[in-house]
């Protein structure tokens, strides 16, 4: 007869046959909660297009942009007479995304990522040819739409369409030689992140139809597996707490938290004077194993750390480390082989040695503090 567990096992077997889902690499521009906006992207683009800005790349980004224009106009000088201007207002209150100006030419750049190309292009042209006729009369006028597909509405014949992919590839070609000739610096890292972010935005999310169909067809069973995991870990925590309290003859505090998406069960004696605790981490990450972390709080100097290490650092323990502004001494013991009984016994042992430290050794540390504070020789 088919049981709930056998159905779960069958479902997991089907899941293991699917291709893994690959997520796009995160960048500093994609980790925020507000997602993507055109204005900040144009601000960053303007900064890198400025050949005299602090990034030190000179006209490299500007050259990459101009090289994507038609051959009849891409042989212009790649240097600016003024810094790029943002949100330049026309007589009717409309705003140009970006205005670039050199001694020989002026360029209007409209940056479109998600919006339709419904800008008042005629008014933008009037800004150059009428509103600022004296300023720009001896300069070649260039009009550019930077967009995902690089297309331009047919009636706007003065405008040149550049796709973001074309611009990205042009800039990557320029950067290839620059990386070889120049040392890495923060501006190159920022530009690399910016390019990666643009690539992620431009690319269509790739998803396996087999994986999508599997998830949609099995939503109820997947939810049941998630619920079963949560309830089973909670019952395991309660069971462990009861067993340990019986074995240790003490009241314990216990709580389930999650590290890297996997359950970690914290245990501590209720009468400990500090936040010290022992944690069973059920680490399911590839290449990792279950382990016990134990945290000795209120350890503030090297002398106390030596005393704590002598007490806690047993044969199964790796190199200790500090957390919480160097006031917590931390230890990790991994399982070479584990079973439910092994984990319980190891938790029991670590809790006992921590209880001994908290009740027998810690008071002597405090006494030493008091002596030092009073200037008494020990």
Protein backbone atom coordinates (compact mmCIF):
# COMPACT_ATOMS: atom_id res chain seq x y z
CA UNK A 1 0.00 0.00 0.00
CA UNK A 2 1.32 3.46 -0.90
CA UNK A 3 2.08 5.61 2.13
CA UNK A 4 2.73 9.34 2.46
CA UNK A 5 6.44 8.62 2.88
CA UNK A 6 6.58 6.44 -0.25
CA UNK A 7 4.82 9.18 -2.24
CA UNK A 8 7.41 11.68 -1.02
CA UNK A 9 10.23 9.32 -1.96
CA UNK A 10 8.77 8.89 -5.47
CA UNK A 11 8.43 12.66 -5.83
CA UNK A 12 12.02 13.24 -4.73
CA UNK A 13 13.22 10.61 -7.20
CA UNK A 14 11.50 12.54 -10.01
CA UNK A 15 12.94 15.81 -8.69
CA UNK A 16 16.49 14.43 -8.76
CA UNK A 17 16.11 13.73 -12.49
CA UNK A 18 15.50 17.43 -13.30
CA UNK A 19 18.16 19.80 -14.57
CA UNK A 20 19.43 22.12 -11.80
CA UNK A 21 18.04 25.65 -11.79
CA UNK A 22 20.76 28.23 -12.37
CA UNK A 23 20.10 31.68 -10.93
CA UNK A 24 21.73 34.80 -12.44
CA UNK A 25 24.80 36.02 -10.61
CA UNK A 26 23.86 38.75 -8.15
CA UNK A 27 25.45 42.18 -8.34
CA UNK A 28 25.56 45.17 -6.02
CA UNK A 29 22.76 46.65 -8.17
CA UNK A 30 20.43 43.67 -7.80
CA UNK A 31 20.60 42.96 -4.06
CA UNK A 32 18.45 45.92 -3.01
CA UNK A 33 14.73 45.66 -2.35
CA UNK A 34 13.64 48.22 -4.97
CA UNK A 35 14.90 46.42 -8.05
CA UNK A 36 15.79 48.27 -11.23
CA UNK A 37 15.15 51.93 -12.06
CA UNK A 38 16.20 53.84 -15.19
CA UNK A 39 17.26 57.04 -13.44
CA UNK A 40 20.04 55.62 -11.25
CA UNK A 41 21.28 53.53 -14.16
CA UNK A 42 21.51 56.64 -16.35
CA UNK A 43 23.34 58.42 -13.51
CA UNK A 44 25.95 55.66 -13.43
CA UNK A 45 26.18 55.63 -17.23
CA UNK A 46 26.72 59.41 -17.25
CA UNK A 47 29.53 59.05 -14.71
CA UNK A 48 31.40 56.47 -16.80
CA UNK A 49 30.81 58.40 -20.05
CA UNK A 50 32.56 61.42 -18.54
CA UNK A 51 36.12 61.16 -19.83
CA UNK A 52 37.42 63.42 -17.04
CA UNK A 53 35.64 61.78 -14.09
CA UNK A 54 37.34 60.15 -11.10
CA UNK A 55 37.03 56.62 -12.53
CA UNK A 56 40.27 57.16 -14.49
CA UNK A 57 39.04 55.23 -17.53
CA UNK A 58 39.24 58.30 -19.74
CA UNK A 59 37.05 58.10 -22.84
CA UNK A 60 36.88 54.29 -22.88
CA UNK A 61 33.12 54.01 -22.20
CA UNK A 62 32.34 56.94 -24.50
CA UNK A 63 34.38 55.29 -27.28
CA UNK A 64 32.41 52.07 -26.77
CA UNK A 65 29.13 53.94 -27.15
CA UNK A 66 30.18 55.96 -30.21
CA UNK A 67 31.62 52.88 -31.96
CA UNK A 68 28.11 51.39 -32.04
CA UNK A 69 26.80 54.28 -34.17
CA UNK A 70 26.54 53.95 -37.97
CA UNK A 71 29.89 54.14 -39.78
CA UNK A 72 28.96 57.47 -41.36
CA UNK A 73 29.01 59.19 -37.98
CA UNK A 74 31.14 57.03 -35.64
CA UNK A 75 34.47 58.62 -36.55
CA UNK A 76 33.88 61.66 -34.35
CA UNK A 77 36.25 62.81 -31.62
CA UNK A 78 35.67 60.91 -28.37
CA UNK A 79 36.23 63.64 -25.82
CA UNK A 80 33.78 65.93 -24.05
CA UNK A 81 34.06 69.67 -23.52
CA UNK A 82 31.61 69.52 -20.59
CA UNK A 83 30.58 66.85 -18.11
CA UNK A 84 27.45 64.89 -19.13
CA UNK A 85 24.23 66.64 -18.18
CA UNK A 86 21.28 64.75 -16.70
CA UNK A 87 17.56 65.53 -16.84
CA UNK A 88 18.02 68.59 -19.04
CA UNK A 89 14.74 70.51 -19.17
CA UNK A 90 13.16 71.75 -22.40
CA UNK A 91 10.97 74.87 -22.80
CA UNK A 92 7.84 72.76 -22.31
CA UNK A 93 9.16 71.13 -19.15
CA UNK A 94 10.15 67.78 -20.66
CA UNK A 95 13.50 66.29 -19.67
CA UNK A 96 16.26 64.77 -21.78
CA UNK A 97 17.81 61.73 -20.10
CA UNK A 98 21.39 62.58 -21.01
CA UNK A 99 23.14 65.34 -22.94
CA UNK A 100 26.75 64.90 -24.13
CA UNK A 101 28.70 67.74 -25.68
CA UNK A 102 32.11 68.04 -27.30
CA UNK A 103 33.75 70.86 -29.25
CA UNK A 104 32.45 69.38 -32.53
CA UNK A 105 29.17 67.64 -31.66
CA UNK A 106 26.24 67.38 -29.25
CA UNK A 107 24.42 64.13 -28.44
CA UNK A 108 21.02 63.51 -26.88
CA UNK A 109 20.78 60.03 -25.34
CA UNK A 110 17.43 58.58 -24.30
CA UNK A 111 17.78 55.55 -22.05
CA UNK A 112 14.89 53.11 -22.36
CA UNK A 113 14.83 49.79 -20.51
CA UNK A 114 11.21 48.86 -19.86
CA UNK A 115 9.24 51.90 -21.08
CA UNK A 116 7.79 52.23 -24.54
CA UNK A 117 9.45 54.77 -26.83
CA UNK A 118 6.75 57.41 -26.52
CA UNK A 119 9.01 60.34 -25.65
CA UNK A 120 8.41 63.78 -27.24
CA UNK A 121 11.24 63.31 -29.74
CA UNK A 122 10.23 66.40 -31.72
CA UNK A 123 10.62 68.55 -28.64
CA UNK A 124 14.06 67.03 -27.97
CA UNK A 125 15.11 67.96 -31.51
CA UNK A 126 13.75 71.47 -31.03
CA UNK A 127 15.86 71.76 -27.88
CA UNK A 128 18.95 71.39 -30.06
CA UNK A 129 17.92 73.16 -33.26
CA UNK A 130 15.75 76.01 -31.91
CA UNK A 131 15.90 76.43 -28.15
CA UNK A 132 19.74 76.35 -28.11
CA UNK A 133 20.48 77.34 -31.69
CA UNK A 134 23.32 79.69 -30.73
CA UNK A 135 24.94 77.18 -28.38
CA UNK A 136 24.89 74.26 -30.83
CA UNK A 137 24.75 75.92 -34.28
CA UNK A 138 28.27 74.89 -35.30
CA UNK A 139 28.07 71.37 -33.87
CA UNK A 140 26.92 68.09 -35.40
CA UNK A 141 23.69 66.95 -33.71
CA UNK A 142 23.37 63.28 -32.78
CA UNK A 143 20.29 61.61 -31.35
CA UNK A 144 20.50 58.17 -29.72
CA UNK A 145 17.96 55.78 -28.19
CA UNK A 146 19.58 53.17 -25.98
CA UNK A 147 17.07 50.35 -25.56
CA UNK A 148 16.74 46.55 -25.30
CA UNK A 149 16.14 46.00 -29.05
CA UNK A 150 17.81 49.12 -30.47
CA UNK A 151 14.84 50.03 -32.66
CA UNK A 152 13.61 53.55 -33.45
CA UNK A 153 10.11 54.63 -34.57
CA UNK A 154 10.28 55.01 -38.37
CA UNK A 155 9.24 58.64 -38.57
CA UNK A 156 12.13 59.81 -36.36
CA UNK A 157 14.81 59.58 -39.00
CA UNK A 158 17.37 61.64 -37.10
CA UNK A 159 17.49 59.13 -34.24
CA UNK A 160 19.94 56.21 -34.03
CA UNK A 161 18.95 53.07 -32.18
CA UNK A 162 21.54 51.17 -30.11
CA UNK A 163 20.63 47.96 -28.35
CA UNK A 164 22.00 47.45 -24.88
CA UNK A 165 23.52 44.12 -25.94
CA UNK A 166 25.43 45.88 -28.74
CA UNK A 167 26.69 48.52 -26.32
CA UNK A 168 27.65 45.89 -23.72
CA UNK A 169 29.63 43.86 -26.28
CA UNK A 170 31.39 46.98 -27.55
CA UNK A 171 32.35 47.98 -24.01
CA UNK A 172 33.55 44.45 -23.19
CA UNK A 173 35.86 44.56 -26.22
CA UNK A 174 37.31 47.86 -25.02
CA UNK A 175 37.72 46.57 -21.49
CA UNK A 176 39.52 43.38 -22.57
CA UNK A 177 42.67 45.30 -23.49
CA UNK A 178 42.30 47.69 -20.57
CA UNK A 179 42.26 44.80 -18.08
CA UNK A 180 45.54 43.54 -19.50
CA UNK A 181 47.27 46.90 -19.39
CA UNK A 182 45.93 48.38 -16.14
CA UNK A 183 45.69 47.12 -12.54
CA UNK A 184 42.29 46.33 -11.06
CA UNK A 185 40.68 49.13 -9.06
CA UNK A 186 37.32 49.91 -7.46
CA UNK A 187 35.98 51.68 -10.56
CA UNK A 188 36.67 48.67 -12.79
CA UNK A 189 34.90 46.46 -10.27
CA UNK A 190 31.92 48.83 -10.20
CA UNK A 191 31.82 48.96 -14.01
CA UNK A 192 32.01 45.17 -14.21
CA UNK A 193 29.07 44.91 -11.77
CA UNK A 194 27.15 47.49 -13.80
CA UNK A 195 27.68 45.52 -17.02
CA UNK A 196 26.64 42.26 -15.38
CA UNK A 197 23.53 43.93 -14.01
CA UNK A 198 22.60 45.24 -17.45
CA UNK A 199 23.15 41.80 -18.97
CA UNK A 200 20.85 40.25 -16.37
CA UNK A 201 18.16 42.82 -17.12
CA UNK A 202 18.46 42.41 -20.89
CA UNK A 203 18.50 38.62 -20.92
CA UNK A 204 15.29 36.68 -20.82
CA UNK A 205 15.02 34.53 -17.67
CA UNK A 206 15.87 30.96 -18.60
CA UNK A 207 13.68 28.28 -17.09
CA UNK A 208 13.36 24.62 -17.87
CA UNK A 209 9.82 23.77 -18.90
CA UNK A 210 10.29 20.33 -17.35
CA UNK A 211 11.15 21.93 -14.01
CA UNK A 212 8.29 24.42 -14.24
CA UNK A 213 5.77 21.72 -15.12
CA UNK A 214 7.07 19.52 -12.30
CA UNK A 215 6.64 22.32 -9.73
CA UNK A 216 3.18 23.34 -11.01
CA UNK A 217 1.95 19.73 -11.20
CA UNK A 218 3.15 18.93 -7.69
CA UNK A 219 2.53 22.13 -5.73
CA UNK A 220 0.34 20.35 -3.18
CA UNK A 221 2.84 17.55 -2.58
CA UNK A 222 5.76 20.00 -2.38
CA UNK A 223 3.83 22.03 0.22
CA UNK A 224 3.18 18.84 2.17
CA UNK A 225 6.89 17.98 2.10
CA UNK A 226 7.74 21.47 3.37
CA UNK A 227 5.16 21.20 6.15
CA UNK A 228 6.36 17.71 7.05
CA UNK A 229 9.94 18.94 7.28
CA UNK A 230 8.97 21.82 9.58
CA UNK A 231 6.78 19.74 11.88
CA UNK A 232 9.28 16.86 12.01
CA UNK A 233 12.17 19.13 12.99
CA UNK A 234 9.98 20.74 15.65
CA UNK A 235 9.04 17.35 17.07
CA UNK A 236 12.70 16.28 16.97
CA UNK A 237 13.66 19.43 18.89
CA UNK A 238 11.00 18.77 21.54
CA UNK A 239 12.03 15.13 21.83
CA UNK A 240 15.70 16.03 22.18
CA UNK A 241 14.93 18.66 24.79
CA UNK A 242 12.93 16.20 26.90
CA UNK A 243 15.61 13.49 26.64
CA UNK A 244 18.44 15.89 27.49
CA UNK A 245 16.53 17.38 30.42
CA UNK A 246 16.01 13.88 31.83
CA UNK A 247 19.66 12.87 31.31
CA UNK A 248 21.08 16.15 32.65
CA UNK A 249 18.56 16.70 35.44
CA UNK A 250 18.16 20.33 34.42
CA UNK A 251 15.69 22.67 32.74
CA UNK A 252 16.81 23.62 29.23
CA UNK A 253 15.95 26.45 26.89
CA UNK A 254 15.59 25.30 23.27
CA UNK A 255 14.81 26.99 19.97
CA UNK A 256 14.93 26.15 16.24
CA UNK A 257 16.60 28.73 13.99
CA UNK A 258 17.82 28.43 10.39
CA UNK A 259 21.34 28.87 9.02
CA UNK A 260 21.80 28.87 5.23
CA UNK A 261 18.24 27.55 4.98
CA UNK A 262 18.88 24.52 7.22
CA UNK A 263 17.67 23.92 10.80
CA UNK A 264 19.89 24.68 13.77
CA UNK A 265 18.60 23.70 17.22
CA UNK A 266 19.92 25.82 20.11
CA UNK A 267 20.14 24.48 23.68
CA UNK A 268 21.11 26.20 26.93
CA UNK A 269 20.61 25.68 30.66
CA UNK A 270 17.95 28.09 31.90
CA UNK A 271 20.07 29.08 34.90
CA UNK A 272 23.23 30.03 32.97
CA UNK A 273 24.23 33.64 33.70
CA UNK A 274 25.20 34.41 30.07
CA UNK A 275 23.92 33.83 26.53
CA UNK A 276 26.21 30.84 26.03
CA UNK A 277 24.60 27.92 24.21
CA UNK A 278 25.16 24.69 22.28
CA UNK A 279 23.75 24.35 18.75
CA UNK A 280 23.06 21.22 16.72
CA UNK A 281 23.35 22.37 13.08
CA UNK A 282 21.68 19.99 10.61
CA UNK A 283 23.78 21.26 7.71
CA UNK A 284 22.48 19.85 4.42
CA UNK A 285 24.72 21.83 2.07
CA UNK A 286 26.79 19.89 -0.43
CA UNK A 287 30.15 18.88 1.01
CA UNK A 288 29.08 19.76 4.57
CA UNK A 289 28.06 17.59 7.50
CA UNK A 290 26.06 17.84 10.68
CA UNK A 291 27.96 19.57 13.45
CA UNK A 292 27.70 21.03 16.94
CA UNK A 293 28.65 24.66 17.46
CA UNK A 294 29.05 25.95 20.98
CA UNK A 295 29.31 29.57 21.95
CA UNK A 296 30.94 30.80 25.15
CA UNK A 297 29.75 34.35 25.74
CA UNK A 298 31.31 37.20 27.71
CA UNK A 299 34.92 36.24 26.95
CA UNK A 300 36.68 39.55 26.43
CA UNK A 301 40.46 39.11 26.48
CA UNK A 302 43.22 36.69 25.45
CA UNK A 303 43.70 35.35 28.97
CA UNK A 304 40.07 34.34 29.21
CA UNK A 305 40.19 32.84 25.71
CA UNK A 306 43.14 30.64 26.70
CA UNK A 307 41.21 29.39 29.73
CA UNK A 308 38.10 28.76 27.63
CA UNK A 309 40.11 26.98 24.91
CA UNK A 310 41.77 24.71 27.47
CA UNK A 311 38.35 23.68 28.72
CA UNK A 312 36.37 23.46 25.48
CA UNK A 313 38.82 22.49 22.76
CA UNK A 314 38.55 18.72 22.74
CA UNK A 315 39.82 16.26 20.13
CA UNK A 316 36.73 16.65 17.91
CA UNK A 317 36.98 20.45 17.89
CA UNK A 318 38.51 22.56 15.12
CA UNK A 319 40.11 25.99 15.39
CA UNK A 320 38.07 28.35 17.61
CA UNK A 321 37.02 31.82 16.48
CA UNK A 322 35.46 35.00 17.93
CA UNK A 323 32.13 36.66 17.27
CA UNK A 324 29.97 39.49 18.68
CA UNK A 325 32.76 42.09 18.62
CA UNK A 326 35.26 39.54 19.96
CA UNK A 327 33.22 38.90 23.13
CA UNK A 328 32.06 35.36 22.26
CA UNK A 329 34.46 32.41 21.89
CA UNK A 330 33.13 29.88 19.36
CA UNK A 331 33.86 26.20 18.74
CA UNK A 332 32.76 23.62 16.18
CA UNK A 333 32.72 19.82 16.43
CA UNK A 334 31.76 17.84 13.32
CA UNK A 335 30.42 14.30 13.16
CA UNK A 336 32.56 11.72 11.39
CA UNK A 337 29.64 9.33 11.65
CA UNK A 338 26.30 10.32 13.05
CA UNK A 339 23.08 8.77 14.21
CA UNK A 340 20.26 10.08 16.36
CA UNK A 341 21.84 8.43 19.39
CA UNK A 342 25.29 9.83 18.58
CA UNK A 343 23.94 13.38 18.20
CA UNK A 344 22.07 13.17 21.51
CA UNK A 345 25.10 11.85 23.39
CA UNK A 346 27.39 14.50 21.90
CA UNK A 347 24.93 17.26 22.76
CA UNK A 348 24.70 15.87 26.29
CA UNK A 349 28.50 15.99 26.64
CA UNK A 350 28.91 19.53 25.25
CA UNK A 351 26.11 20.83 27.47
CA UNK A 352 27.77 19.27 30.53
CA UNK A 353 31.18 20.82 29.87
CA UNK A 354 29.54 24.20 29.20
CA UNK A 355 27.54 23.93 32.41
CA UNK A 356 30.76 23.21 34.32
CA UNK A 357 32.40 26.28 32.73
CA UNK A 358 29.45 28.57 33.45
CA UNK A 359 29.09 27.50 37.10
CA UNK A 360 32.63 26.60 38.18
CA UNK A 361 35.13 28.40 35.93
CA UNK A 362 33.33 31.62 34.97
CA UNK A 363 33.01 32.81 38.61
CA UNK A 364 36.81 32.59 38.94
CA UNK A 365 37.18 34.73 35.82
CA UNK A 366 34.95 37.37 37.37
CA UNK A 367 36.91 37.19 40.59
CA UNK A 368 40.11 37.86 38.64
CA UNK A 369 38.43 40.84 36.99
CA UNK A 370 37.50 42.22 40.39
CA UNK A 371 41.07 41.79 41.70
CA UNK A 372 42.54 43.54 38.66
CA UNK A 373 40.02 46.37 38.94
CA UNK A 374 40.98 46.83 42.60
CA UNK A 375 44.72 46.59 41.88
CA UNK A 376 45.17 43.41 43.96
CA UNK A 377 47.92 40.95 42.99
CA UNK A 378 46.59 37.45 42.36
